[in-house]
Amino acid sequence: MSGFDVLTRGDVLDSALQARDYLVSCGVPGALAAKDPRLWGRRAVDHSRLGWLDLPFASRGLLSQVDGLVAEARYSGLDHIVLIGVGAESLAAQAIMEAHAPAVAAGAAGQGAAGQGAGGQSSSGQGTGELTVLDGSDTAALTFAMERLDRTLVVLASKAGVSLEGDAYRRIFTGAFRERGLSEREIAGRFLVITDHGSPLHDFARQCGYRIGLTDPYLPGHFGALSAYGLVPAVLAGADAERLLDEAASLVPSLGKDEDNPGLLLGAVLGGCAQQGPGGLARDKVLLREPGGPGALSSWISQLLAVGTGKRGRGVLAFEPPGGRGDFPDVHGVSINPRSAAQDESDTSVWAPLGAQFLLWEYATAVGGWLLGVNPFEAGSTVVQESEDDAATMLRSAGGGPLTAEEPVYAEDGIEVYADFPWPPGAELRTVLGGLVASVPNDGYLSVMTYLSGDFSGRYLAPSMARGSGRPVAYGPGPAYPHATGPVHKDGPGNGAFLIITGDPAPGDTLASHPIPGRPYSLAKLQLARALAELRALRERRLPVIRLHLRDPVEGAGKLTEAMRSVAGARRP
């Protein structure tokens, strides 16, 4: 695919055209193309934070710098790239690999929010390689990586410091390399760090002797798909990044226009629909559809929208099938590269090759944020960092003991229920699930966050929860999914209800239960700490939330699914 287009229809079209006319009358397209920071107020946005508009051209120099590293890795037989990163740093690279290897299955890891945590393979003209993404969601991807240790190069990507998961994985790989007999110098050569100049991770990497790739500290992380964060891991794994940049560059001339500007129209769709319309209804929820099912591109778009617009009680939340349906009045559907416009039932269709998709959605998020009166380039809400800091504090305080003294209010068939309200006599598991779905406002949504070492995902619960509540359902594995969408959940409209699912390590999952080298906790305990921190953050905001703990994740997942179907059946005959 070489062209790009945005087609919208129905009442969404009316909102979009009005918003587009307003944007043009305010001179937004020309000002944004000129990187004029006065669009958001001179003090709010520095000119350099709009540098993502230049990446289709500026990142070409990056590719020439990476060529030597690619050649060295191939010469050394390192064709398996492990990317450690939570959020935008990993999603863009994973989307690139999916696009360049569409026929390859998503590998050994469980599929969560569009395959987060999945190991994938790719081949391209630059050589054949594999990319495995480790974001803390599942140990299956780590097992997959450990089986390829002799040919593994580890990429640690973060704009700030080393995350809890990054520290854990780095220690695990360092210990594994050491057990293979590698010297400390050889171990350092197996790591590449991508971070901002002057970041805490930059200093740490220098102390360890790791190779370092530095990026612009002013570039917003969620707008960095075409920067080193998205490109370098994918190039090392064999993707054709030059083609990707060509695709993005082909879109640039249209982005300064008032007419025939697909980015402006898409931004008008997002921002115009999210504003409160007649009758007080805001269509601030987007159902994303991809031809092959949810992928990493959908997850990347979800994060971009959540972080870019989830502020000051506003925000656009993206869903994926099967959690959303087309008949919710406050949801509009967006199809990405539908095979046929005539057969596409979505309100909006977006056609573009991947490189142009990245730039198109970034531009649209900037425009939509402007319409909503929020600054999409802010350093970011502190809600994500607060949860990580809280988890770290819990782990330090617990030492070798339990993370929490909270007792379940109820247990049924190996499923423990943790809730803030007294348990009524004679209640069952489906009672509390029914209460949760009933707590969703008319303009709200449900969110399922799973912190499990197996492949159980909220995807299995989404259809029943949507039927039972009559509202859309977002889902994904933690900590990657809450990290990606946390700003819109916590700083957005505040109309979500949340189900957090934790569990004991699956039988035979020795990686999850084995202590992390140099730490008094395991990956399973780290994952539970992340879940408890998320639970606490939601409770502090007085959002309805319940935690279910599965003593046996495999058996418990089946029982939970049955209970949710019962709730849906009771509500909808």
Protein backbone atom coordinates (compact mmCIF):
# COMPACT_ATOMS: atom_id res chain seq x y z
CA MET A 1 0.00 0.00 0.00
CA SER A 2 1.43 3.38 -1.05
CA GLY A 3 -1.50 5.80 -0.71
CA PHE A 4 -3.34 7.17 2.28
CA ASP A 5 -6.88 8.33 2.89
CA VAL A 6 -9.40 8.93 5.67
CA LEU A 7 -13.07 8.31 4.97
CA THR A 8 -15.79 9.09 7.49
CA ARG A 9 -19.58 8.86 7.26
CA GLY A 10 -22.85 9.29 9.14
CA ASP A 11 -23.21 11.64 12.10
CA VAL A 12 -19.49 11.32 12.74
CA LEU A 13 -18.95 13.11 9.44
CA ASP A 14 -21.08 16.06 10.56
CA SER A 15 -19.06 16.48 13.78
CA ALA A 16 -15.79 16.06 11.90
CA LEU A 17 -16.57 18.64 9.21
CA GLN A 18 -17.60 21.24 11.78
CA ALA A 19 -14.44 20.61 13.78
CA ARG A 20 -12.27 20.70 10.64
CA ASP A 21 -13.74 24.04 9.56
CA TYR A 22 -13.02 25.44 13.01
CA LEU A 23 -9.44 24.15 12.90
CA VAL A 24 -8.89 25.75 9.50
CA SER A 25 -10.40 29.06 10.63
CA CYS A 26 -7.97 29.09 13.56
CA GLY A 27 -4.99 28.39 11.30
CA VAL A 28 -4.11 25.14 13.04
CA PRO A 29 -2.84 23.14 10.00
CA GLY A 30 -0.31 25.76 8.94
CA ALA A 31 0.80 26.54 12.48
CA LEU A 32 1.31 22.86 13.31
CA ALA A 33 3.24 22.20 10.11
CA ALA A 34 5.47 25.16 11.00
CA LYS A 35 5.92 23.72 14.51
CA ASP A 36 4.52 26.88 16.08
CA PRO A 37 4.40 26.29 19.87
CA ARG A 38 1.90 29.12 20.32
CA LEU A 39 -0.90 26.71 19.41
CA TRP A 40 -0.85 25.46 23.01
CA GLY A 41 0.49 28.63 24.59
CA ARG A 42 4.13 29.66 24.47
CA ARG A 43 4.78 28.43 27.97
CA ALA A 44 2.98 25.12 27.49
CA VAL A 45 4.80 23.65 24.49
CA ASP A 46 8.44 24.15 23.58
CA HIS A 47 9.24 24.16 19.87
CA SER A 48 11.46 21.09 20.30
CA ARG A 49 8.53 18.99 21.55
CA LEU A 50 7.13 19.14 18.02
CA GLY A 51 10.24 17.51 16.58
CA TRP A 52 8.31 14.31 15.80
CA LEU A 53 7.10 16.09 12.66
CA ASP A 54 10.69 16.01 11.34
CA LEU A 55 11.39 12.35 12.11
CA PRO A 56 10.55 10.99 8.62
CA PHE A 57 13.66 12.86 7.46
CA ALA A 58 15.75 13.31 10.62
CA SER A 59 15.76 9.57 11.42
CA ARG A 60 17.52 8.71 8.15
CA GLY A 61 20.81 9.63 9.74
CA LEU A 62 20.00 7.19 12.52
CA LEU A 63 19.76 4.32 10.05
CA SER A 64 23.29 4.90 8.77
CA GLN A 65 24.54 4.84 12.36
CA VAL A 66 22.76 1.55 13.00
CA ASP A 67 24.16 -0.16 9.89
CA GLY A 68 27.44 -0.94 11.62
CA LEU A 69 25.70 -2.35 14.66
CA VAL A 70 23.49 -4.55 12.47
CA ALA A 71 26.52 -5.88 10.59
CA GLU A 72 28.37 -6.57 13.85
CA ALA A 73 25.37 -8.37 15.35
CA ARG A 74 24.93 -10.54 12.26
CA TYR A 75 28.66 -11.35 12.16
CA SER A 76 28.45 -12.45 15.79
CA GLY A 77 25.38 -14.57 15.10
CA LEU A 78 23.09 -12.36 17.21
CA ASP A 79 19.90 -12.45 15.18
CA HIS A 80 17.45 -12.73 18.07
CA ILE A 81 16.61 -9.33 19.52
CA VAL A 82 15.05 -9.08 22.96
CA LEU A 83 13.41 -5.71 23.54
CA ILE A 84 12.81 -4.79 27.17
CA GLY A 85 10.38 -1.92 27.43
CA VAL A 86 6.94 -1.11 28.77
CA GLY A 87 4.67 1.08 26.66
CA ALA A 88 5.36 3.09 23.53
CA GLU A 89 9.02 2.05 23.47
CA SER A 90 8.04 -1.53 22.67
CA LEU A 91 4.70 -1.19 20.90
CA ALA A 92 6.03 0.74 17.90
CA ALA A 93 8.85 -1.74 17.27
CA GLN A 94 6.46 -4.63 17.60
CA ALA A 95 4.02 -3.04 15.15
CA ILE A 96 6.87 -2.62 12.66
CA MET A 97 7.79 -6.28 12.93
CA GLU A 98 4.18 -7.39 12.55
CA ALA A 99 3.87 -5.31 9.38
CA HIS A 100 7.10 -6.68 7.93
CA ALA A 101 6.26 -10.27 8.81
CA PRO A 102 2.46 -10.54 8.50
CA ALA A 103 2.49 -14.27 7.85
CA VAL A 104 4.45 -15.15 10.97
CA ALA A 105 2.51 -16.10 14.07
CA ALA A 106 3.02 -14.05 17.18
CA GLY A 107 5.38 -16.59 18.73
CA ALA A 108 5.47 -18.22 22.08
CA ALA A 109 3.92 -15.58 24.30
CA GLY A 110 0.29 -15.17 25.27
CA GLN A 111 -1.65 -12.56 23.39
CA GLY A 112 -2.88 -9.69 25.53
CA ALA A 113 -3.65 -6.20 24.39
CA ALA A 114 -2.77 -6.66 20.77
CA GLY A 115 -0.01 -9.13 21.44
CA GLN A 116 1.89 -7.21 24.07
CA GLY A 117 4.64 -9.42 25.35
CA ALA A 118 4.64 -11.59 22.26
CA GLY A 119 7.69 -13.01 20.61
CA GLY A 120 7.62 -12.58 16.86
CA GLN A 121 9.82 -13.36 13.88
CA SER A 122 10.60 -11.38 10.80
CA SER A 123 12.61 -11.56 7.65
CA SER A 124 13.52 -8.72 5.32
CA GLY A 125 16.13 -7.61 2.86
CA GLN A 126 18.48 -6.58 5.61
CA GLY A 127 18.74 -10.09 7.01
CA THR A 128 16.64 -12.53 8.92
CA GLY A 129 15.97 -12.02 12.62
CA GLU A 130 13.52 -12.37 15.47
CA LEU A 131 12.12 -9.85 17.91
CA THR A 132 10.85 -10.84 21.35
CA VAL A 133 9.25 -8.13 23.45
CA LEU A 134 9.41 -8.35 27.24
CA ASP A 135 7.08 -5.92 28.97
CA GLY A 136 6.33 -7.75 32.20
CA SER A 137 3.04 -9.21 30.99
CA ASP A 138 3.92 -12.89 30.75
CA THR A 139 6.84 -15.24 31.35
CA ALA A 140 6.20 -17.23 28.16
CA ALA A 141 8.07 -14.62 26.11
CA LEU A 142 10.98 -14.84 28.56
CA THR A 143 11.05 -18.63 28.23
CA PHE A 144 11.08 -18.19 24.44
CA ALA A 145 14.05 -15.83 24.74
CA MET A 146 16.01 -18.05 27.10
CA GLU A 147 15.86 -20.87 24.56
CA ARG A 148 17.74 -18.59 22.13
CA LEU A 149 20.28 -17.16 24.55
CA ASP A 150 23.34 -17.94 22.40
CA ARG A 151 22.06 -15.71 19.61
CA THR A 152 20.43 -12.99 21.73
CA LEU A 153 21.14 -9.26 21.83
CA VAL A 154 19.21 -7.43 24.56
CA VAL A 155 17.87 -3.93 23.89
CA LEU A 156 16.83 -1.98 26.97
CA ALA A 157 14.70 1.02 25.95
CA SER A 158 13.44 3.72 28.29
CA LYS A 159 13.27 7.49 28.27
CA ALA A 160 13.94 7.66 32.00
CA GLY A 161 15.45 5.15 34.38
CA VAL A 162 15.31 1.38 34.57
CA SER A 163 11.79 0.19 35.34
CA LEU A 164 11.12 -2.57 37.85
CA GLU A 165 10.62 -5.02 34.99
CA GLY A 166 13.68 -3.69 33.15
CA ASP A 167 15.82 -4.22 36.24
CA ALA A 168 14.44 -7.74 36.73
CA TYR A 169 14.96 -8.82 33.11
CA ARG A 170 18.43 -7.27 32.94
CA ARG A 171 19.47 -9.20 36.04
CA ILE A 172 17.99 -12.43 34.69
CA PHE A 173 19.81 -12.13 31.37
CA THR A 174 23.06 -11.06 33.00
CA GLY A 175 22.93 -14.10 35.27
CA ALA A 176 22.09 -16.39 32.37
CA PHE A 177 24.95 -15.04 30.23
CA ARG A 178 27.30 -15.47 33.18
CA GLU A 179 26.21 -19.08 33.61
CA ARG A 180 27.07 -19.64 29.93
CA GLY A 181 30.63 -18.62 30.69
CA LEU A 182 30.62 -15.13 29.14
CA SER A 183 33.07 -12.63 30.59
CA GLU A 184 31.83 -9.35 32.03
CA ARG A 185 33.02 -7.56 28.91
CA GLU A 186 31.22 -10.05 26.68
CA ILE A 187 28.07 -9.66 28.76
CA ALA A 188 28.19 -5.88 28.39
CA GLY A 189 28.48 -6.41 24.62
CA ARG A 190 25.17 -8.29 24.65
CA PHE A 191 23.29 -5.17 25.80
CA LEU A 192 22.24 -2.07 23.90
CA VAL A 193 20.55 0.79 25.75
CA ILE A 194 18.31 3.31 24.00
CA THR A 195 17.56 6.29 26.18
CA ASP A 196 17.53 10.07 26.36
CA HIS A 197 20.73 12.03 26.68
CA GLY A 198 21.35 12.71 30.36
CA SER A 199 18.67 10.34 31.67
CA PRO A 200 19.27 8.16 34.76
CA LEU A 201 19.44 5.14 32.44
CA HIS A 202 22.14 6.89 30.40
CA ASP A 203 24.37 7.19 33.48
CA PHE A 204 23.61 3.61 34.55
CA ALA A 205 24.44 2.22 31.10
CA ARG A 206 27.79 4.01 31.05
CA GLN A 207 28.69 2.51 34.41
CA CYS A 208 27.84 -0.97 33.10
CA GLY A 209 29.80 -0.51 29.88
CA TYR A 210 26.75 -1.08 27.67
CA ARG A 211 26.50 0.29 24.16
CA ILE A 212 24.26 3.34 24.16
CA GLY A 213 22.01 4.96 21.59
CA LEU A 214 20.90 8.43 22.66
CA THR A 215 17.71 10.22 21.69
CA ASP A 216 16.26 13.71 22.01
CA PRO A 217 15.12 14.24 25.62
CA TYR A 218 12.49 16.76 24.46
CA LEU A 219 10.75 14.30 22.14
CA PRO A 220 7.55 12.99 23.82
CA GLY A 221 7.87 9.23 24.21
CA HIS A 222 4.38 8.54 22.90
CA PHE A 223 5.24 10.48 19.74
CA GLY A 224 8.49 8.57 19.12
CA ALA A 225 7.46 5.68 16.87
CA LEU A 226 9.77 6.90 14.10
CA SER A 227 12.64 7.62 16.49
CA ALA A 228 15.31 5.24 17.76
CA TYR A 229 12.81 3.70 20.18
CA GLY A 230 10.71 2.24 17.40
CA LEU A 231 13.27 1.87 14.63
CA VAL A 232 16.47 0.47 16.16
CA PRO A 233 15.08 -2.78 17.66
CA ALA A 234 13.12 -3.45 14.47
CA VAL A 235 16.13 -2.77 12.22
CA LEU A 236 18.27 -5.09 14.33
CA ALA A 237 15.59 -7.75 13.90
CA GLY A 238 15.57 -7.29 10.13
CA ALA A 239 12.87 -4.73 9.33
CA ASP A 240 13.20 -2.30 6.43
CA ALA A 241 13.11 1.03 8.27
CA GLU A 242 14.08 3.05 5.22
CA ARG A 243 10.84 2.02 3.55
CA LEU A 244 8.98 2.94 6.73
CA LEU A 245 10.43 6.45 6.67
CA ASP A 246 9.62 6.80 2.97
CA GLU A 247 6.01 5.95 3.76
CA ALA A 248 5.89 8.60 6.48
CA ALA A 249 7.64 11.20 4.32
CA SER A 250 5.06 10.75 1.57
CA LEU A 251 2.40 12.01 3.99
CA VAL A 252 4.26 15.15 5.11
CA PRO A 253 3.32 17.50 2.20
CA SER A 254 -0.40 17.08 2.91
CA LEU A 255 -0.13 17.89 6.63
CA GLY A 256 0.19 21.64 6.10
CA LYS A 257 -2.89 21.89 3.90
CA ASP A 258 -6.37 23.04 4.81
CA GLU A 259 -7.91 20.66 2.28
CA ASP A 260 -7.02 17.06 1.41
CA ASN A 261 -5.28 16.70 4.75
CA PRO A 262 -6.03 13.21 6.14
CA GLY A 263 -4.35 14.00 9.46
CA LEU A 264 -6.53 17.06 9.93
CA LEU A 265 -9.70 15.11 9.15
CA LEU A 266 -8.79 12.26 11.48
CA GLY A 267 -7.93 14.73 14.25
CA ALA A 268 -11.24 16.49 13.66
CA VAL A 269 -13.00 13.12 13.95
CA LEU A 270 -11.27 12.31 17.25
CA GLY A 271 -11.55 15.74 18.84
CA GLY A 272 -14.90 16.72 17.36
CA CYS A 273 -16.62 13.51 18.43
CA ALA A 274 -15.06 13.60 21.91
CA GLN A 275 -16.54 17.02 22.58
CA GLN A 276 -19.96 17.07 24.15
CA GLY A 277 -22.58 17.23 21.43
CA PRO A 278 -26.35 17.67 21.32
CA GLY A 279 -28.03 15.92 24.23
CA GLY A 280 -24.81 16.03 26.26
CA LEU A 281 -23.34 12.92 24.61
CA ALA A 282 -19.64 12.79 23.82
CA ARG A 283 -18.34 10.05 21.50
CA ASP A 284 -15.05 9.86 23.33
CA LYS A 285 -14.52 6.14 22.79
CA VAL A 286 -12.99 4.56 19.69
CA LEU A 287 -13.39 0.97 18.56
CA LEU A 288 -10.28 0.03 16.56
CA ARG A 289 -10.52 -2.72 13.96
CA GLU A 290 -7.68 -4.28 11.97
CA PRO A 291 -8.26 -6.82 9.17
CA GLY A 292 -6.32 -9.58 10.90
CA GLY A 293 -7.60 -8.82 14.38
CA PRO A 294 -6.08 -6.59 17.08
CA GLY A 295 -2.34 -6.06 16.66
CA ALA A 296 0.46 -3.99 18.12
CA LEU A 297 -0.52 -1.01 15.94
CA SER A 298 -3.92 -0.85 17.67
CA SER A 299 -2.19 -1.01 21.05
CA TRP A 300 0.21 1.74 20.03
CA ILE A 301 -2.70 3.94 18.90
CA SER A 302 -4.50 3.24 22.19
CA GLN A 303 -1.49 4.41 24.18
CA LEU A 304 -0.96 7.47 21.99
CA LEU A 305 -4.57 8.56 22.47
CA ALA A 306 -4.65 7.77 26.19
CA VAL A 307 -1.41 9.57 27.05
CA GLY A 308 -1.98 12.41 24.60
CA THR A 309 -5.57 13.23 25.56
CA GLY A 310 -6.14 11.71 29.02
CA LYS A 311 -5.88 14.87 31.09
CA ARG A 312 -8.04 17.32 33.03
CA GLY A 313 -11.10 15.09 33.07
CA ARG A 314 -11.01 14.51 29.31
CA GLY A 315 -9.63 11.86 27.04
CA VAL A 316 -10.19 9.43 24.19
CA LEU A 317 -10.16 5.74 25.11
CA ALA A 318 -9.62 3.16 22.37
CA PHE A 319 -11.08 -0.35 22.49
CA GLU A 320 -10.46 -3.48 20.48
CA PRO A 321 -12.83 -6.29 19.53
CA PRO A 322 -14.49 -8.16 21.13
CA GLY A 323 -14.81 -5.66 23.96
CA GLY A 324 -16.57 -3.08 21.84
CA ARG A 325 -19.57 -3.28 19.57
CA GLY A 326 -20.86 -0.88 16.97
CA ASP A 327 -24.16 -0.06 18.70
CA PHE A 328 -22.91 1.98 21.65
CA PRO A 329 -24.03 5.59 21.08
CA ASP A 330 -20.83 7.07 22.56
CA VAL A 331 -18.47 4.81 20.58
CA HIS A 332 -17.41 5.35 17.00
CA GLY A 333 -15.64 2.66 15.05
CA VAL A 334 -12.38 3.18 13.19
CA SER A 335 -11.11 0.57 10.73
CA ILE A 336 -7.40 0.50 9.91
CA ASN A 337 -6.70 -0.48 6.31
CA PRO A 338 -10.04 -2.26 5.73
CA ARG A 339 -9.99 -4.55 2.72
CA SER A 340 -13.15 -3.07 1.23
CA ALA A 341 -14.70 0.34 1.79
CA ALA A 342 -18.08 -0.94 0.62
CA GLN A 343 -18.15 -3.71 3.23
CA ASP A 344 -16.61 -1.69 6.08
CA GLU A 345 -19.22 -0.93 8.76
CA SER A 346 -17.06 1.46 10.78
CA ASP A 347 -17.82 5.17 11.03
CA THR A 348 -14.28 6.04 9.91
CA SER A 349 -11.77 4.17 7.76
CA VAL A 350 -8.05 4.95 7.65
CA TRP A 351 -5.89 3.68 4.80
CA ALA A 352 -2.12 4.14 4.94
CA PRO A 353 1.06 2.05 5.05
CA LEU A 354 2.55 1.69 8.51
CA GLY A 355 5.05 4.56 8.37
CA ALA A 356 2.28 6.95 7.34
CA GLN A 357 -0.06 5.44 9.97
CA PHE A 358 2.41 6.41 12.71
CA LEU A 359 2.68 10.03 11.56
CA LEU A 360 -1.01 10.27 10.72
CA TRP A 361 -2.17 9.22 14.18
CA GLU A 362 0.43 11.42 15.90
CA TYR A 363 -0.77 14.44 13.93
CA ALA A 364 -4.41 13.55 14.59
CA THR A 365 -3.74 13.20 18.33
CA ALA A 366 -2.12 16.63 18.38
CA VAL A 367 -5.11 18.14 16.57
CA GLY A 368 -7.66 16.26 18.66
CA GLY A 369 -5.91 17.35 21.86
CA TRP A 370 -6.02 20.96 20.70
CA LEU A 371 -9.78 20.70 20.16
CA LEU A 372 -10.21 19.19 23.63
CA GLY A 373 -8.14 21.93 25.22
CA VAL A 374 -5.37 19.64 26.47
CA ASN A 375 -1.66 19.65 25.80
CA PRO A 376 -0.82 16.30 24.16
CA PHE A 377 2.95 16.84 24.54
CA GLU A 378 3.13 17.26 28.28
CA ALA A 379 5.84 15.23 29.94
CA GLY A 380 3.00 13.00 31.01
CA SER A 381 0.78 12.40 33.96
CA THR A 382 2.48 11.14 37.08
CA VAL A 383 -0.08 8.37 37.51
CA VAL A 384 2.08 5.77 35.77
CA GLN A 385 5.23 6.60 37.75
CA GLU A 386 3.25 6.77 40.99
CA SER A 387 2.07 3.19 40.54
CA GLU A 388 5.58 1.94 39.80
CA ASP A 389 6.99 3.78 42.82
CA ASP A 390 4.25 2.33 45.00
CA ALA A 391 5.04 -1.19 43.76
CA ALA A 392 8.75 -0.66 44.48
CA THR A 393 7.93 0.52 48.00
CA MET A 394 5.76 -2.54 48.61
CA LEU A 395 8.53 -4.87 47.46
CA ARG A 396 11.11 -3.18 49.69
CA SER A 397 8.81 -3.23 52.71
CA ALA A 398 7.76 -6.85 52.22
CA GLY A 399 11.27 -8.27 51.91
CA GLY A 400 10.75 -12.02 51.93
CA GLY A 401 7.23 -11.75 53.37
CA PRO A 402 3.80 -11.23 51.84
CA LEU A 403 2.99 -8.02 49.99
CA THR A 404 -0.36 -7.40 51.63
CA ALA A 405 -2.25 -8.39 54.76
CA GLU A 406 -5.64 -7.83 53.13
CA GLU A 407 -7.93 -10.82 53.52
CA PRO A 408 -10.40 -11.88 50.83
CA VAL A 409 -14.01 -11.11 51.61
CA TYR A 410 -15.05 -14.31 49.89
CA ALA A 411 -13.58 -17.35 48.15
CA GLU A 412 -15.27 -19.69 45.71
CA ASP A 413 -13.76 -22.59 43.76
CA GLY A 414 -10.22 -21.33 44.24
CA ILE A 415 -11.07 -17.72 43.35
CA GLU A 416 -10.45 -15.15 46.08
CA VAL A 417 -12.47 -11.92 46.00
CA TYR A 418 -11.00 -8.67 47.30
CA ALA A 419 -13.46 -5.79 47.59
CA ASP A 420 -14.00 -2.68 49.70
CA PHE A 421 -17.58 -3.44 50.66
CA PRO A 422 -19.11 -5.98 53.11
CA TRP A 423 -20.05 -9.26 51.52
CA PRO A 424 -23.83 -9.87 51.65
CA PRO A 425 -25.06 -13.20 53.09
CA GLY A 426 -25.66 -15.88 50.50
CA ALA A 427 -23.76 -14.04 47.77
CA GLU A 428 -21.82 -15.82 45.05
CA LEU A 429 -19.00 -14.90 42.70
CA ARG A 430 -21.46 -13.84 40.06
CA THR A 431 -23.05 -11.47 42.61
CA VAL A 432 -19.94 -9.35 42.89
CA LEU A 433 -19.38 -9.49 39.14
CA GLY A 434 -22.96 -8.40 38.62
CA GLY A 435 -22.45 -5.57 41.07
CA LEU A 436 -19.34 -4.44 39.21
CA VAL A 437 -21.02 -4.34 35.80
CA ALA A 438 -24.01 -2.56 37.34
CA SER A 439 -21.72 0.18 38.70
CA VAL A 440 -20.78 1.40 35.23
CA PRO A 441 -22.30 4.81 34.37
CA ASN A 442 -24.39 5.20 31.23
CA ASP A 443 -21.44 6.88 29.53
CA GLY A 444 -18.81 4.64 31.14
CA TYR A 445 -16.91 1.46 30.39
CA LEU A 446 -15.42 -1.62 32.00
CA SER A 447 -11.72 -2.41 32.07
CA VAL A 448 -10.15 -5.82 32.72
CA MET A 449 -6.49 -5.95 33.74
CA THR A 450 -4.86 -9.36 34.04
CA TYR A 451 -1.65 -9.97 35.97
CA LEU A 452 -1.08 -13.66 35.25
CA SER A 453 1.84 -15.76 34.09
CA GLY A 454 -0.35 -17.78 31.73
CA ASP A 455 -2.06 -16.76 28.51
CA PHE A 456 -5.47 -15.92 30.01
CA SER A 457 -6.56 -12.49 28.82
CA GLY A 458 -9.45 -10.19 29.45
CA ARG A 459 -10.27 -10.86 25.80
CA TYR A 460 -12.13 -13.99 26.93
CA LEU A 461 -14.28 -12.05 29.39
CA ALA A 462 -14.95 -9.01 27.22
CA PRO A 463 -17.99 -10.29 25.24
CA SER A 464 -19.87 -11.44 28.35
CA MET A 465 -18.99 -8.28 30.27
CA ALA A 466 -20.15 -6.09 27.38
CA ARG A 467 -23.46 -7.98 27.22
CA GLY A 468 -23.91 -7.91 30.97
CA SER A 469 -23.18 -4.21 31.39
CA GLY A 470 -24.42 -2.88 28.09
CA ARG A 471 -21.16 -0.95 27.91
CA PRO A 472 -17.84 -1.39 26.05
CA VAL A 473 -15.00 -3.31 27.66
CA ALA A 474 -11.29 -2.52 27.47
CA TYR A 475 -8.79 -5.20 28.40
CA GLY A 476 -5.12 -6.06 28.50
CA PRO A 477 -2.28 -7.60 30.52
CA GLY A 478 -0.53 -5.71 33.29
CA PRO A 479 1.65 -3.87 33.78
CA ALA A 480 1.86 -3.03 30.07
CA TYR A 481 -1.82 -2.22 29.54
CA PRO A 482 -2.29 0.01 32.64
CA HIS A 483 1.02 1.70 31.76
CA ALA A 484 -0.27 2.42 28.25
CA THR A 485 -3.77 3.60 29.10
CA GLY A 486 -3.46 4.70 32.75
CA PRO A 487 -3.67 8.46 32.06
CA VAL A 488 -7.12 8.25 30.50
CA HIS A 489 -8.36 5.85 33.21
CA LYS A 490 -7.15 8.02 36.08
CA ASP A 491 -6.92 11.58 34.75
CA GLY A 492 -9.66 11.29 32.11
CA PRO A 493 -13.45 11.39 32.47
CA GLY A 494 -13.36 9.04 35.49
CA ASN A 495 -16.23 6.86 34.29
CA GLY A 496 -14.60 3.44 34.29
CA ALA A 497 -15.13 0.35 36.45
CA PHE A 498 -12.24 -2.04 36.85
CA LEU A 499 -11.63 -5.75 37.32
CA ILE A 500 -8.07 -6.71 38.28
CA ILE A 501 -7.21 -10.41 38.01
CA THR A 502 -4.14 -11.85 39.71
CA GLY A 503 -3.06 -15.43 40.26
CA ASP A 504 -0.50 -17.84 41.61
CA PRO A 505 2.18 -18.91 39.11
CA ALA A 506 0.95 -21.57 36.73
CA PRO A 507 2.14 -25.10 37.54
CA GLY A 508 5.60 -25.65 36.11
CA ASP A 509 6.29 -21.94 35.58
CA THR A 510 9.67 -21.95 37.29
CA LEU A 511 10.72 -18.61 35.80
CA ALA A 512 7.84 -16.81 37.48
CA SER A 513 8.47 -18.30 40.91
CA HIS A 514 12.30 -18.28 40.88
CA PRO A 515 13.91 -15.31 42.70
CA ILE A 516 15.36 -12.58 40.50
CA PRO A 517 19.18 -12.50 40.88
CA GLY A 518 20.12 -9.95 43.52
CA ARG A 519 16.51 -9.29 44.53
CA PRO A 520 14.45 -10.84 47.36
CA TYR A 521 11.44 -11.38 45.08
CA SER A 522 10.40 -13.32 42.01
CA LEU A 523 8.77 -12.18 38.77
CA ALA A 524 5.45 -13.45 40.11
CA LYS A 525 5.80 -11.33 43.24
CA LEU A 526 6.82 -8.32 41.15
CA GLN A 527 3.75 -8.80 38.99
CA LEU A 528 1.51 -9.01 42.06
CA ALA A 529 3.07 -5.83 43.47
CA ARG A 530 2.27 -4.06 40.23
CA ALA A 531 -1.35 -5.24 40.46
CA LEU A 532 -1.71 -4.13 44.08
CA ALA A 533 -0.27 -0.71 43.26
CA GLU A 534 -2.76 -0.32 40.42
CA LEU A 535 -5.57 -1.43 42.73
CA ARG A 536 -4.55 1.15 45.31
CA ALA A 537 -4.35 3.95 42.73
CA LEU A 538 -7.86 3.21 41.48
CA ARG A 539 -9.24 3.01 45.00
CA GLU A 540 -7.67 6.35 45.90
CA ARG A 541 -9.61 7.89 43.01
CA ARG A 542 -12.82 6.26 44.30
CA LEU A 543 -13.29 4.31 41.11
CA PRO A 544 -15.19 0.99 41.37
CA VAL A 545 -12.63 -1.81 41.36
CA ILE A 546 -12.51 -5.46 42.40
CA ARG A 547 -9.55 -7.83 42.51
CA LEU A 548 -9.96 -11.55 41.90
CA HIS A 549 -7.05 -13.86 42.71
CA LEU A 550 -6.93 -17.25 40.97
CA ARG A 551 -5.19 -19.87 43.08
CA ASP A 552 -5.03 -22.07 39.96
CA PRO A 553 -4.89 -19.71 36.95
CA VAL A 554 -5.92 -22.34 34.40
CA GLU A 555 -8.88 -23.77 36.30
CA GLY A 556 -9.84 -20.40 37.78
CA ALA A 557 -9.94 -18.72 34.38
CA GLY A 558 -12.54 -21.21 33.19
CA LYS A 559 -14.69 -20.76 36.29
CA LEU A 560 -14.45 -16.99 36.04
CA THR A 561 -15.53 -17.07 32.41
CA GLU A 562 -18.54 -19.24 33.32
CA ALA A 563 -19.54 -16.87 36.13
CA MET A 564 -19.33 -13.86 33.81
CA ARG A 565 -21.47 -15.60 31.20
CA SER A 566 -24.03 -16.26 33.92
CA VAL A 567 -24.10 -12.55 34.75
CA ALA A 568 -24.58 -11.68 31.08
CA GLY A 569 -27.37 -14.25 30.73
CA ALA A 570 -29.18 -12.95 33.79
CA ARG A 571 -29.19 -9.39 32.46
CA ARG A 572 -29.95 -10.15 28.83
CA PRO A 573 -32.54 -12.89 28.19
